Amino acid sequence: MAKEIKPVIDFDDLGKIDIRVGEILSVEDIKKSDKMVKLTVDFGDFERCILVGMKKEREDPSEIVGKQALFVVNLAPKKMFGEISEGMLFDIGYESGITPVLAQPEKPVPNGTIAG
């Protein structure tokens, strides 16, 4: 069953979200969690550690190393399982109840390229 469309937002609200292309450099297991892994992501001018709940979604989460994907980079840092997450992977499918896939550019672009 399709989910309802979320409430309408102003265009200015959308402009507050900073979505950038990053290259996934590494995927590390977070042993204290049955879902989370830690990604190290290159955004060109900076790197970030971002925690992602994909451990149960992929047989081998390290298969995404070297891939570019979209990330929200201006979320407040959040401490989970003794690690600090400095953003959010922008993936496709979780809210629709399917196995998530990476939201990726159609061809390689410079790391740090801004979406929108």
N, C-alpha and C. Protein backbone atom coordinates (compact mmCIF):
# COMPACT_ATOMS: atom_id res chain seq x y z
N MET A 1 0.84 -1.18 0.00
CA MET A 1 0.00 0.00 0.00
C MET A 1 0.88 1.25 0.00
N ALA A 2 0.55 2.20 -0.81
CA ALA A 2 1.33 3.44 -0.92
C ALA A 2 1.16 4.28 0.33
N LYS A 3 2.25 4.92 0.74
CA LYS A 3 2.18 5.82 1.89
C LYS A 3 1.68 7.18 1.42
N GLU A 4 1.02 7.87 2.34
CA GLU A 4 0.53 9.21 2.01
C GLU A 4 1.69 10.17 1.81
N ILE A 5 1.46 11.16 0.98
CA ILE A 5 2.46 12.21 0.77
C ILE A 5 2.57 13.03 2.05
N LYS A 6 3.79 13.35 2.44
CA LYS A 6 4.02 14.14 3.65
C LYS A 6 3.45 15.54 3.46
N PRO A 7 3.25 16.28 4.57
CA PRO A 7 2.70 17.64 4.46
C PRO A 7 3.56 18.54 3.57
N VAL A 8 2.92 19.48 2.91
CA VAL A 8 3.59 20.43 2.03
C VAL A 8 4.54 21.30 2.86
N ILE A 9 5.72 21.56 2.29
CA ILE A 9 6.70 22.45 2.93
C ILE A 9 6.97 23.62 1.98
N ASP A 10 7.53 24.67 2.52
CA ASP A 10 7.92 25.81 1.70
C ASP A 10 9.22 25.49 0.97
N PHE A 11 9.42 26.12 -0.17
CA PHE A 11 10.65 25.93 -0.93
C PHE A 11 11.86 26.31 -0.08
N ASP A 12 11.71 27.32 0.76
CA ASP A 12 12.82 27.76 1.63
C ASP A 12 13.23 26.64 2.60
N ASP A 13 12.26 25.84 3.05
CA ASP A 13 12.58 24.72 3.95
C ASP A 13 13.46 23.70 3.24
N LEU A 14 13.18 23.42 2.00
CA LEU A 14 13.97 22.48 1.22
C LEU A 14 15.41 22.97 1.08
N GLY A 15 15.57 24.28 0.95
CA GLY A 15 16.90 24.87 0.81
C GLY A 15 17.76 24.74 2.05
N LYS A 16 17.18 24.38 3.18
CA LYS A 16 17.94 24.20 4.42
C LYS A 16 18.69 22.88 4.45
N ILE A 17 18.29 21.93 3.61
CA ILE A 17 18.92 20.60 3.60
C ILE A 17 20.11 20.62 2.65
N ASP A 18 21.28 20.30 3.17
CA ASP A 18 22.52 20.29 2.38
C ASP A 18 22.82 18.85 1.98
N ILE A 19 22.53 18.52 0.73
CA ILE A 19 22.74 17.17 0.21
C ILE A 19 23.93 17.22 -0.74
N ARG A 20 24.92 16.37 -0.48
CA ARG A 20 26.14 16.36 -1.29
C ARG A 20 26.52 14.94 -1.69
N VAL A 21 27.27 14.87 -2.78
CA VAL A 21 27.81 13.59 -3.23
C VAL A 21 29.08 13.29 -2.45
N GLY A 22 29.16 12.07 -1.95
CA GLY A 22 30.35 11.63 -1.25
C GLY A 22 30.74 10.24 -1.71
N GLU A 23 32.04 9.97 -1.67
CA GLU A 23 32.55 8.64 -2.01
C GLU A 23 32.80 7.86 -0.73
N ILE A 24 32.25 6.67 -0.66
CA ILE A 24 32.38 5.83 0.53
C ILE A 24 33.77 5.20 0.53
N LEU A 25 34.59 5.59 1.51
CA LEU A 25 35.96 5.12 1.60
C LEU A 25 36.08 3.82 2.38
N SER A 26 35.25 3.67 3.41
CA SER A 26 35.31 2.44 4.22
C SER A 26 33.98 2.20 4.90
N VAL A 27 33.76 0.92 5.24
CA VAL A 27 32.59 0.49 6.00
C VAL A 27 33.11 -0.35 7.16
N GLU A 28 32.82 0.10 8.38
CA GLU A 28 33.29 -0.62 9.57
C GLU A 28 32.10 -1.12 10.38
N ASP A 29 32.21 -2.34 10.86
CA ASP A 29 31.18 -2.91 11.71
C ASP A 29 31.16 -2.20 13.07
N ILE A 30 29.97 -1.95 13.58
CA ILE A 30 29.82 -1.45 14.94
C ILE A 30 29.33 -2.64 15.77
N LYS A 31 30.23 -3.23 16.49
CA LYS A 31 29.96 -4.50 17.19
C LYS A 31 28.84 -4.38 18.22
N LYS A 32 28.65 -3.20 18.80
CA LYS A 32 27.61 -3.02 19.82
C LYS A 32 26.21 -2.96 19.22
N SER A 33 26.10 -2.91 17.90
CA SER A 33 24.80 -2.78 17.24
C SER A 33 24.55 -3.95 16.29
N ASP A 34 23.30 -4.37 16.22
CA ASP A 34 22.95 -5.42 15.26
C ASP A 34 22.52 -4.84 13.91
N LYS A 35 22.46 -3.51 13.80
CA LYS A 35 22.05 -2.87 12.55
C LYS A 35 23.07 -1.91 11.95
N MET A 36 23.84 -1.24 12.80
CA MET A 36 24.64 -0.10 12.34
C MET A 36 26.05 -0.47 11.87
N VAL A 37 26.48 0.26 10.83
CA VAL A 37 27.86 0.25 10.38
C VAL A 37 28.32 1.71 10.31
N LYS A 38 29.63 1.91 10.33
CA LYS A 38 30.19 3.27 10.24
C LYS A 38 30.84 3.44 8.88
N LEU A 39 30.37 4.44 8.15
CA LEU A 39 30.95 4.79 6.86
C LEU A 39 31.92 5.95 7.06
N THR A 40 33.07 5.88 6.39
CA THR A 40 33.94 7.04 6.26
C THR A 40 33.73 7.52 4.83
N VAL A 41 33.36 8.80 4.69
CA VAL A 41 32.94 9.33 3.40
C VAL A 41 33.78 10.55 3.03
N ASP A 42 34.26 10.58 1.79
CA ASP A 42 35.05 11.69 1.25
C ASP A 42 34.12 12.65 0.52
N PHE A 43 34.08 13.90 0.99
CA PHE A 43 33.29 14.95 0.35
C PHE A 43 34.18 15.98 -0.34
N GLY A 44 35.37 15.58 -0.74
CA GLY A 44 36.27 16.49 -1.44
C GLY A 44 37.07 17.34 -0.48
N ASP A 45 36.44 18.35 0.11
CA ASP A 45 37.13 19.26 1.04
C ASP A 45 37.15 18.75 2.47
N PHE A 46 36.36 17.70 2.77
CA PHE A 46 36.29 17.16 4.13
C PHE A 46 35.83 15.71 4.08
N GLU A 47 36.10 15.00 5.18
CA GLU A 47 35.61 13.63 5.36
C GLU A 47 34.68 13.61 6.56
N ARG A 48 33.74 12.68 6.55
CA ARG A 48 32.82 12.52 7.66
C ARG A 48 32.65 11.05 7.98
N CYS A 49 32.35 10.77 9.26
CA CYS A 49 31.92 9.44 9.68
C CYS A 49 30.40 9.50 9.81
N ILE A 50 29.73 8.57 9.15
CA ILE A 50 28.27 8.55 9.14
C ILE A 50 27.81 7.15 9.47
N LEU A 51 26.97 7.03 10.51
CA LEU A 51 26.44 5.74 10.90
C LEU A 51 25.18 5.44 10.10
N VAL A 52 25.10 4.20 9.63
CA VAL A 52 24.01 3.79 8.76
C VAL A 52 23.50 2.43 9.22
N GLY A 53 22.18 2.26 9.28
CA GLY A 53 21.58 0.99 9.70
C GLY A 53 21.41 0.03 8.55
N MET A 54 22.51 -0.44 7.98
CA MET A 54 22.40 -1.31 6.80
C MET A 54 22.93 -2.72 7.03
N LYS A 55 23.31 -3.05 8.25
CA LYS A 55 23.94 -4.35 8.52
C LYS A 55 23.02 -5.51 8.14
N LYS A 56 21.72 -5.38 8.39
CA LYS A 56 20.77 -6.45 8.06
C LYS A 56 20.24 -6.36 6.63
N GLU A 57 20.53 -5.25 5.95
CA GLU A 57 20.00 -5.03 4.60
C GLU A 57 20.89 -5.59 3.51
N ARG A 58 22.15 -5.85 3.83
CA ARG A 58 23.12 -6.32 2.84
C ARG A 58 23.92 -7.47 3.43
N GLU A 59 24.14 -8.47 2.61
CA GLU A 59 24.96 -9.60 3.05
C GLU A 59 26.37 -9.14 3.36
N ASP A 60 26.90 -8.22 2.52
CA ASP A 60 28.24 -7.69 2.71
C ASP A 60 28.21 -6.18 2.55
N PRO A 61 28.03 -5.42 3.65
CA PRO A 61 27.96 -3.97 3.54
C PRO A 61 29.19 -3.34 2.88
N SER A 62 30.34 -4.02 2.92
CA SER A 62 31.55 -3.44 2.32
C SER A 62 31.46 -3.36 0.80
N GLU A 63 30.42 -3.94 0.20
CA GLU A 63 30.26 -3.87 -1.26
C GLU A 63 30.05 -2.45 -1.77
N ILE A 64 29.74 -1.52 -0.86
CA ILE A 64 29.51 -0.13 -1.29
C ILE A 64 30.77 0.72 -1.24
N VAL A 65 31.88 0.17 -0.75
CA VAL A 65 33.14 0.92 -0.72
C VAL A 65 33.51 1.30 -2.16
N GLY A 66 33.90 2.57 -2.33
CA GLY A 66 34.28 3.07 -3.64
C GLY A 66 33.13 3.67 -4.44
N LYS A 67 31.91 3.52 -3.95
CA LYS A 67 30.75 4.07 -4.66
C LYS A 67 30.45 5.48 -4.17
N GLN A 68 29.91 6.27 -5.07
CA GLN A 68 29.41 7.60 -4.70
C GLN A 68 27.94 7.47 -4.34
N ALA A 69 27.50 8.31 -3.41
CA ALA A 69 26.10 8.34 -3.01
C ALA A 69 25.77 9.75 -2.51
N LEU A 70 24.48 9.98 -2.27
CA LEU A 70 24.03 11.26 -1.74
C LEU A 70 23.93 11.17 -0.22
N PHE A 71 24.35 12.24 0.45
CA PHE A 71 24.34 12.32 1.90
C PHE A 71 23.82 13.68 2.34
N VAL A 72 23.09 13.72 3.45
CA VAL A 72 22.73 14.97 4.11
C VAL A 72 23.90 15.29 5.03
N VAL A 73 24.55 16.44 4.83
CA VAL A 73 25.76 16.76 5.59
C VAL A 73 25.56 17.82 6.67
N ASN A 74 24.36 18.36 6.79
CA ASN A 74 24.18 19.42 7.79
C ASN A 74 23.22 19.04 8.92
N LEU A 75 23.13 17.75 9.22
CA LEU A 75 22.41 17.33 10.42
C LEU A 75 23.31 17.53 11.63
N ALA A 76 22.70 17.81 12.77
CA ALA A 76 23.48 17.92 14.01
C ALA A 76 24.13 16.57 14.30
N PRO A 77 25.40 16.55 14.72
CA PRO A 77 26.05 15.28 15.07
C PRO A 77 25.25 14.55 16.14
N LYS A 78 25.24 13.21 16.02
CA LYS A 78 24.49 12.39 16.97
C LYS A 78 25.36 11.24 17.44
N LYS A 79 25.42 11.05 18.76
CA LYS A 79 26.23 9.97 19.32
C LYS A 79 25.36 8.70 19.44
N MET A 80 25.87 7.62 18.86
CA MET A 80 25.19 6.32 18.93
C MET A 80 26.24 5.24 19.08
N PHE A 81 26.02 4.32 20.02
CA PHE A 81 26.92 3.18 20.21
C PHE A 81 28.38 3.61 20.39
N GLY A 82 28.58 4.75 21.05
CA GLY A 82 29.92 5.22 21.32
C GLY A 82 30.60 5.90 20.14
N GLU A 83 29.88 6.09 19.05
CA GLU A 83 30.41 6.74 17.84
C GLU A 83 29.60 7.99 17.55
N ILE A 84 30.20 8.95 16.86
CA ILE A 84 29.50 10.16 16.44
C ILE A 84 29.16 10.06 14.96
N SER A 85 27.87 10.22 14.64
CA SER A 85 27.45 10.26 13.24
C SER A 85 27.31 11.72 12.83
N GLU A 86 27.95 12.06 11.70
CA GLU A 86 28.00 13.46 11.24
C GLU A 86 27.22 13.67 9.94
N GLY A 87 26.08 13.02 9.80
CA GLY A 87 25.28 13.17 8.61
C GLY A 87 24.35 11.99 8.43
N MET A 88 23.78 11.87 7.23
CA MET A 88 22.84 10.79 6.94
C MET A 88 22.97 10.37 5.49
N LEU A 89 23.02 9.07 5.28
CA LEU A 89 22.97 8.53 3.92
C LEU A 89 21.58 8.77 3.38
N PHE A 90 21.50 9.29 2.17
CA PHE A 90 20.22 9.55 1.52
C PHE A 90 19.97 8.35 0.61
N ASP A 91 19.24 7.33 1.13
CA ASP A 91 19.02 6.13 0.33
C ASP A 91 17.57 6.06 -0.16
N ILE A 92 17.29 5.03 -0.92
CA ILE A 92 15.98 4.88 -1.55
C ILE A 92 15.40 3.53 -1.15
N GLY A 93 14.16 3.52 -0.66
CA GLY A 93 13.46 2.27 -0.46
C GLY A 93 13.03 1.95 0.95
N TYR A 94 13.77 2.39 1.96
CA TYR A 94 13.47 2.01 3.34
C TYR A 94 12.03 2.34 3.72
N GLU A 95 11.62 3.59 3.49
CA GLU A 95 10.26 4.02 3.86
C GLU A 95 9.19 3.30 3.04
N SER A 96 9.57 2.74 1.90
CA SER A 96 8.61 2.02 1.05
C SER A 96 8.58 0.53 1.36
N GLY A 97 9.38 0.11 2.33
CA GLY A 97 9.37 -1.29 2.74
C GLY A 97 10.14 -2.23 1.84
N ILE A 98 11.05 -1.68 1.03
CA ILE A 98 11.88 -2.53 0.19
C ILE A 98 13.33 -2.40 0.65
N THR A 99 14.16 -3.36 0.25
CA THR A 99 15.57 -3.29 0.61
C THR A 99 16.17 -2.02 0.02
N PRO A 100 16.70 -1.14 0.86
CA PRO A 100 17.23 0.13 0.37
C PRO A 100 18.39 -0.01 -0.60
N VAL A 101 18.47 0.95 -1.50
CA VAL A 101 19.58 1.07 -2.44
C VAL A 101 20.15 2.48 -2.31
N LEU A 102 21.38 2.66 -2.74
CA LEU A 102 22.01 3.97 -2.67
C LEU A 102 21.38 4.93 -3.68
N ALA A 103 21.20 6.18 -3.29
CA ALA A 103 20.84 7.25 -4.22
C ALA A 103 22.16 7.75 -4.79
N GLN A 104 22.37 7.53 -6.10
CA GLN A 104 23.67 7.81 -6.71
C GLN A 104 23.53 8.72 -7.92
N PRO A 105 24.60 9.49 -8.21
CA PRO A 105 24.60 10.24 -9.47
C PRO A 105 24.68 9.27 -10.64
N GLU A 106 24.13 9.65 -11.79
CA GLU A 106 24.13 8.75 -12.95
C GLU A 106 25.51 8.51 -13.53
N LYS A 107 26.43 9.44 -13.28
CA LYS A 107 27.82 9.25 -13.68
C LYS A 107 28.69 9.91 -12.61
N PRO A 108 29.97 9.58 -12.54
CA PRO A 108 30.84 10.16 -11.51
C PRO A 108 30.88 11.69 -11.61
N VAL A 109 30.83 12.32 -10.45
CA VAL A 109 30.99 13.77 -10.33
C VAL A 109 32.00 14.02 -9.22
N PRO A 110 32.56 15.22 -9.12
CA PRO A 110 33.50 15.49 -8.03
C PRO A 110 32.85 15.28 -6.66
N ASN A 111 33.59 14.64 -5.74
CA ASN A 111 33.10 14.49 -4.38
C ASN A 111 32.83 15.87 -3.80
N GLY A 112 31.72 15.99 -3.10
CA GLY A 112 31.33 17.28 -2.52
C GLY A 112 30.34 18.05 -3.38
N THR A 113 30.06 17.56 -4.60
CA THR A 113 29.09 18.24 -5.46
C THR A 113 27.75 18.34 -4.74
N ILE A 114 27.15 19.51 -4.78
CA ILE A 114 25.90 19.78 -4.08
C ILE A 114 24.71 19.40 -4.95
N ALA A 115 23.77 18.66 -4.36
CA ALA A 115 22.54 18.27 -5.05
C ALA A 115 21.49 19.36 -4.85
N GLY A 116 20.64 19.53 -5.84
CA GLY A 116 19.53 20.47 -5.70
C GLY A 116 19.50 21.50 -6.78
